[in-house]
Protein backbone atom coordinates (compact mmCIF):
# COMPACT_ATOMS: atom_id res chain seq x y z
CA MET A 1 -14.34 9.99 12.52
CA ASN A 2 -16.18 6.74 11.82
CA LEU A 3 -14.39 3.49 10.97
CA SER A 4 -16.36 0.69 9.31
CA LEU A 5 -14.15 -2.27 10.16
CA ILE A 6 -15.11 -5.37 8.18
CA LYS A 7 -13.85 -8.38 10.11
CA SER A 8 -13.09 -10.71 7.25
CA ASP A 9 -12.45 -13.79 9.40
CA THR A 10 -16.22 -14.09 9.88
CA VAL A 11 -16.74 -14.00 6.11
CA TYR A 12 -14.01 -16.55 5.42
CA ARG A 13 -15.58 -18.96 7.92
CA GLU A 14 -18.94 -18.49 6.22
CA LEU A 15 -17.36 -19.13 2.83
CA LEU A 16 -16.04 -22.49 4.01
CA GLN A 17 -19.63 -23.50 4.75
CA THR A 18 -20.96 -22.21 1.42
CA PRO A 19 -21.37 -24.34 -1.74
CA MET A 20 -18.68 -23.66 -4.34
CA GLU A 21 -21.10 -22.18 -6.87
CA LYS A 22 -22.21 -19.49 -4.39
CA ARG A 23 -18.84 -18.56 -2.93
CA ASP A 24 -17.78 -15.91 -5.41
CA SER A 25 -21.00 -13.92 -5.09
CA LEU A 26 -20.83 -14.05 -1.28
CA PHE A 27 -17.19 -12.97 -1.30
CA LYS A 28 -17.92 -10.03 -3.59
CA GLU A 29 -21.01 -9.01 -1.65
CA ARG A 30 -19.47 -9.13 1.83
CA LEU A 31 -15.83 -8.15 1.27
CA LEU A 32 -15.54 -6.33 -2.04
CA ALA A 33 -18.84 -4.47 -2.53
CA PRO A 34 -18.14 -2.10 0.41
CA PHE A 35 -15.09 -0.98 -1.61
CA LYS A 36 -16.94 -0.55 -4.91
CA GLU A 37 -16.39 3.22 -5.01
CA LYS A 38 -12.66 2.62 -4.58
CA PHE A 39 -12.56 0.07 -7.39
CA ASP A 40 -14.70 2.28 -9.61
CA ARG A 41 -12.27 5.16 -9.18
CA GLN A 42 -9.44 2.79 -10.08
CA GLN A 43 -11.42 1.72 -13.15
CA ILE A 44 -11.67 -1.88 -11.91
CA THR A 45 -15.03 -3.34 -12.87
CA PHE A 46 -17.23 -5.83 -11.04
CA ASP A 47 -18.44 -7.11 -14.42
CA GLU A 48 -17.34 -10.75 -14.60
CA HIS A 49 -17.63 -10.70 -18.41
CA VAL A 50 -14.74 -8.25 -18.64
CA PRO A 51 -11.41 -10.15 -18.47
CA PHE A 52 -9.73 -7.61 -16.16
CA ASN A 53 -12.26 -7.38 -13.33
CA VAL A 54 -12.19 -7.07 -9.57
CA MET A 55 -11.82 -10.82 -9.02
CA THR A 56 -8.90 -10.95 -11.46
CA VAL A 57 -7.15 -8.19 -9.55
CA ILE A 58 -7.79 -9.76 -6.14
CA GLY A 59 -6.63 -13.11 -7.48
CA MET A 60 -3.13 -11.78 -8.11
CA MET A 61 -2.29 -11.86 -4.41
CA HIS A 62 -5.06 -13.45 -2.39
CA LYS A 63 -6.76 -16.69 -1.49
CA MET A 64 -9.89 -16.86 -3.58
CA PRO A 65 -13.27 -18.23 -2.48
CA GLN A 66 -13.06 -21.30 -4.70
CA SER A 67 -9.65 -22.29 -3.33
CA LEU A 68 -10.46 -21.94 0.37
CA LYS A 69 -10.16 -25.25 2.21
CA PRO A 70 -10.59 -26.45 5.80
CA SER A 71 -6.84 -26.25 6.46
CA ASP A 72 -7.06 -22.48 5.94
CA VAL A 73 -8.84 -22.21 9.28
CA ALA A 74 -5.38 -22.02 10.87
CA LEU A 75 -4.80 -18.75 8.97
CA ILE A 76 -8.31 -17.43 9.54
CA ASP A 77 -7.91 -18.02 13.28
CA GLN A 78 -5.02 -15.53 13.31
CA LEU A 79 -7.35 -12.76 12.17
CA ASP A 80 -8.54 -12.76 15.76
CA GLN A 81 -9.71 -10.17 18.25
CA LYS A 82 -6.17 -8.97 18.91
CA PHE A 83 -5.52 -8.57 15.18
CA TRP A 84 -8.57 -6.37 14.66
CA LYS A 85 -7.81 -4.35 17.79
CA ASP A 86 -4.26 -3.75 16.55
CA VAL A 87 -5.63 -2.61 13.18
CA GLN A 88 -8.24 -0.36 14.79
CA ASP A 89 -5.74 1.13 17.23
CA ALA A 90 -3.20 1.75 14.45
CA PHE A 91 -5.84 3.49 12.35
CA ALA A 92 -6.91 5.71 15.27
CA LYS A 93 -3.28 6.51 16.10
CA ALA A 94 -2.44 7.46 12.51
CA ILE A 95 -5.48 9.70 12.00
CA GLY A 96 -5.03 11.15 15.48
CA THR A 97 -1.42 12.04 14.68
CA PHE A 98 -2.58 14.23 11.81
CA GLU A 99 -5.33 15.79 13.90
CA ALA A 100 -2.80 16.59 16.62
CA ALA A 101 -0.80 18.41 13.95
CA ASN A 102 -3.89 20.53 13.18
CA ILE A 103 -4.62 18.69 9.95
CA THR A 104 -8.32 17.90 9.84
CA PRO A 105 -9.22 15.11 7.40
CA LYS A 106 -11.90 15.94 4.85
CA VAL A 107 -13.27 12.39 4.98
CA SER A 108 -15.24 11.37 8.07
CA THR A 109 -16.10 7.74 7.26
CA TYR A 110 -13.55 5.04 6.42
CA THR A 111 -13.97 1.42 5.35
CA LEU A 112 -11.20 -1.06 6.17
CA THR A 113 -10.68 -4.80 5.94
CA ALA A 114 -7.89 -7.36 5.56
CA LEU A 115 -7.88 -10.08 2.90
CA LEU A 116 -6.01 -13.35 3.22
CA GLY A 117 -2.97 -13.41 0.99
CA ASP A 118 -1.87 -16.55 -0.83
CA GLU A 119 1.75 -17.30 0.04
CA GLN A 120 2.07 -19.40 -3.12
CA LEU A 121 1.58 -16.38 -5.38
CA PRO A 122 4.70 -14.49 -6.52
CA MET A 123 3.13 -11.08 -5.89
CA MET A 124 2.57 -12.00 -2.26
CA GLN A 125 5.96 -13.62 -1.86
CA ILE A 126 7.92 -10.66 -3.17
CA ASN A 127 6.22 -8.36 -0.64
CA GLU A 128 7.10 -10.78 2.18
CA ASN A 129 3.44 -11.70 2.63
CA TYR A 130 1.86 -8.38 3.47
CA SER A 131 0.78 -5.27 1.61
CA GLY A 132 -1.88 -2.56 1.53
CA ASP A 133 -3.96 -0.29 -0.68
CA GLY A 134 -4.98 3.07 0.75
CA GLY A 135 -4.68 5.56 -2.09
CA ILE A 136 -8.42 6.23 -2.43
CA PRO A 137 -9.67 8.43 0.44
CA GLY A 138 -12.08 6.63 2.73
CA TYR A 139 -10.87 3.11 1.91
CA ILE A 140 -8.05 0.91 3.18
CA LEU A 141 -7.57 -2.67 2.02
CA LEU A 142 -4.89 -4.77 3.72
CA SER A 143 -3.40 -8.01 2.38
CA ILE A 144 -1.74 -10.48 4.71
CA VAL A 145 -0.58 -14.04 5.12
CA PRO A 146 -0.78 -14.10 8.92
CA ASN A 147 2.43 -15.16 10.67
CA ALA A 148 4.64 -13.74 13.42
CA TYR A 149 6.52 -11.48 11.00
CA THR A 150 3.51 -10.00 9.20
CA LEU A 151 1.33 -9.65 12.28
CA ASN A 152 4.06 -7.59 13.94
CA ARG A 153 4.08 -5.24 10.95
CA ILE A 154 0.37 -4.82 10.37
CA SER A 155 0.20 -1.62 12.45
CA SER A 156 3.01 -0.10 10.40
CA ALA A 157 1.19 -1.11 7.20
CA VAL A 158 -1.99 0.59 8.44
CA ALA A 159 -0.02 3.77 9.18
CA HIS A 160 1.51 3.70 5.69
CA GLU A 161 -1.91 3.42 4.05
CA CYS A 162 -3.44 6.07 6.32
CA ASN A 163 -0.75 8.48 5.15
CA HIS A 164 -1.77 7.88 1.53
CA ASN A 165 -5.40 8.29 2.54
CA ILE A 166 -4.82 11.66 4.17
CA ARG A 167 -2.53 12.91 1.38
CA TYR A 168 -5.07 12.29 -1.35
CA GLN A 169 -7.74 14.18 0.54
CA PHE A 170 -5.63 17.29 -0.16
CA ILE A 171 -3.37 16.51 -3.15
CA GLU A 172 -4.60 15.77 -6.67
CA TRP A 173 -3.26 12.48 -8.05
CA GLY A 174 -3.49 13.59 -11.68
CA LYS A 175 -2.55 11.01 -14.29
CA GLY A 176 -0.18 9.25 -11.88
CA PRO A 177 3.18 10.89 -12.59
CA LEU A 178 6.31 9.06 -11.47
CA LYS A 179 7.45 11.92 -9.22
CA GLU A 180 4.15 11.78 -7.30
CA MET A 181 4.39 8.01 -6.90
CA ILE A 182 7.94 8.19 -5.56
CA VAL A 183 7.19 11.05 -3.18
CA SER A 184 3.93 9.57 -1.88
CA GLU A 185 5.53 6.22 -1.06
CA GLY A 186 8.40 8.00 0.66
CA LEU A 187 6.01 10.06 2.74
CA ALA A 188 3.98 7.01 3.72
CA GLU A 189 6.96 4.96 4.83
CA ASN A 190 8.56 7.83 6.76
CA PHE A 191 5.23 8.34 8.53
CA ALA A 192 5.01 4.64 9.39
CA GLU A 193 8.59 4.78 10.68
CA LYS A 194 7.75 7.73 12.92
CA LEU A 195 4.88 5.80 14.50
CA TYR A 196 6.38 2.29 14.66
CA GLY A 197 10.14 2.59 14.32
CA THR A 198 12.84 1.65 11.85
CA ALA A 199 12.57 -2.04 12.80
CA ASN A 200 9.14 -2.14 11.14
CA LEU A 201 10.09 -0.62 7.81
CA GLY A 202 8.76 -2.65 4.90
CA PRO A 203 10.85 -4.78 2.53
CA TRP A 204 10.11 -2.20 -0.19
CA VAL A 205 12.63 0.01 1.67
CA THR A 206 15.06 -2.42 3.27
CA LYS A 207 15.72 -5.09 0.66
CA HIS A 208 18.62 -3.39 -1.18
CA ASP A 209 21.89 -1.91 0.06
CA MET A 210 22.93 1.70 -0.44
CA SER A 211 25.20 1.02 -3.39
CA ILE A 212 22.19 -0.15 -5.42
CA LEU A 213 20.31 3.00 -4.43
CA ASN A 214 23.19 5.37 -5.24
CA ASP A 215 24.61 3.70 -8.34
CA LEU A 216 21.51 2.37 -10.06
CA ILE A 217 18.17 3.51 -8.66
CA LYS A 218 18.76 7.24 -8.15
CA PRO A 219 20.32 7.99 -11.57
CA LYS A 220 17.66 6.06 -13.47
CA LEU A 221 14.73 7.55 -11.60
CA LYS A 222 16.11 11.09 -11.87
CA ALA A 223 16.34 10.64 -15.64
CA HIS A 224 12.67 9.63 -15.85
CA LEU A 225 10.98 12.03 -13.42
CA ASP A 226 9.09 13.63 -16.29
CA ILE A 227 6.98 10.49 -16.88
CA ASP A 228 3.43 11.72 -16.46
CA ASN A 229 1.18 8.67 -16.54
CA MET A 230 0.70 5.80 -14.16
CA PHE A 231 1.12 2.90 -16.57
CA GLU A 232 4.46 4.12 -17.88
CA ALA A 233 5.59 5.08 -14.37
CA MET A 234 4.73 1.85 -12.55
CA PRO A 235 7.77 -0.18 -13.77
CA TYR A 236 10.04 2.50 -12.31
CA LEU A 237 8.17 2.44 -9.01
CA TYR A 238 7.80 -1.33 -8.62
CA GLY A 239 10.91 -2.63 -10.40
CA ASP A 240 11.38 -5.37 -12.98
CA GLU A 241 10.22 -8.39 -10.99
CA ILE A 242 6.75 -7.04 -10.29
CA THR A 243 6.55 -5.48 -13.75
CA GLU A 244 7.20 -8.87 -15.35
CA MET A 245 4.60 -10.52 -13.11
CA GLN A 246 2.13 -8.00 -14.52
CA GLN A 247 3.23 -8.75 -18.11
CA GLY A 248 4.92 -5.36 -18.38
CA LYS A 249 8.21 -4.34 -19.96
CA PRO A 250 11.19 -4.26 -17.53
CA VAL A 251 13.24 -1.07 -17.26
CA GLY A 252 16.36 -2.36 -15.51
CA LEU A 253 15.41 -1.65 -11.90
CA PRO A 254 15.21 -3.92 -8.84
CA TYR A 255 12.17 -4.66 -6.68
CA ALA A 256 10.41 -1.56 -5.28
CA ALA A 257 13.08 0.83 -6.59
CA GLY A 258 10.78 3.85 -6.39
CA TYR A 259 9.74 3.04 -2.83
CA MET A 260 13.32 2.89 -1.58
CA CYS A 261 14.28 6.04 -3.43
CA GLY A 262 11.18 7.86 -2.18
CA TYR A 263 11.89 6.90 1.41
CA TYR A 264 15.39 8.39 1.34
CA LEU A 265 14.31 11.38 -0.76
CA VAL A 266 11.62 12.34 1.75
CA LYS A 267 13.96 11.72 4.69
CA TYR A 268 16.47 14.07 3.05
CA TYR A 269 13.75 16.67 2.54
CA LEU A 270 12.49 16.42 6.13
CA GLU A 271 15.98 16.88 7.55
CA LYS A 272 16.89 19.73 5.19
CA ARG A 273 13.71 21.71 5.77
CA GLY A 274 13.16 20.80 9.43
CA ILE A 275 9.53 20.08 8.64
CA SER A 276 7.27 17.45 10.23
CA ILE A 277 6.17 14.39 8.28
CA GLU A 278 2.55 15.44 8.83
CA ALA A 279 3.11 18.86 7.25
CA ALA A 280 5.18 17.33 4.45
CA THR A 281 2.34 14.96 3.60
CA LEU A 282 0.33 17.94 2.33
CA LYS A 283 3.15 19.27 0.12
CA THR A 284 3.08 18.62 -3.62
CA ALA A 285 5.69 16.42 -5.22
CA ASP A 286 7.04 19.46 -7.06
CA GLU A 287 7.51 21.36 -3.79
CA ILE A 288 9.37 18.47 -2.20
CA LEU A 289 11.54 17.78 -5.23
CA ALA A 290 12.46 21.46 -5.63
CA ALA A 291 13.49 21.75 -1.98
CA ALA A 292 15.44 18.46 -2.11
CA SER A 293 17.11 18.98 -5.49
CA ASP A 294 20.55 18.16 -4.02
CA PHE A 295 19.36 14.68 -3.06
CA TRP A 296 20.15 13.24 -6.48
CA GLN A 297 23.83 14.21 -6.26
CA GLU A 298 24.31 13.31 -2.60
CA ILE A 299 25.63 9.88 -1.62
CA THR A 300 22.93 8.36 0.56
CA ARG A 301 24.22 6.45 3.57
């Protein structure tokens, strides 16, 4: 296993010393180009003449090269040696946990970095200033506004994204059906909980109480499990607030509805079947849903 860890603090410091007109190209070359295969597979172009391009996507949550200012050094300084060691250790622990369960990853080389989030942006705020992207095997991109809260949860975020990374080395994503999205997020967060405890669960699981899950989220998601494409499914996964931020049509669900539902669905499945989270990660969504069919009628506590 080989981890290419791109320490972005070095790049951000270099950007602060770079003339404005050259910053974007340096940012793309040093921090985004290593992830080009990932973006290509997500159909996100590097072509600046296309309105929806890689810089547009990154700009939804992150500090951009043109907006970096000397006062941001205080944030950059927190992406320090300890931060990168925590990230590296969390990655090794997550992959090692699968290997210890006799699951050998198909990918041998991984690329990982962390980008500075912009706490003024709604997409960053709603996720409590940290997030991740690990659905394309071989690539993990973290997003963080460094502070005591987010730094304490970065290892859990790495574990969550590693779970996605391993899953999609064995499971076909297809068109992005809702049931796969719900199950995959549930698997990832249960895996992170196993490694780093309930105290480090993300806001995508903890923000709502059980009455919202039982009375609103579960019935609505159950009624739409046949959605078979990512763009129609995303509002049900992310909820209305994020959907509206992305100029989508709300569906009457709260923030991260699919994440919360997936977490409890997978937990129900794990307890019912007595199976490990590592083994469950390689099960299809259909297998998990069939075995946990009673979940939708059960009152989750």
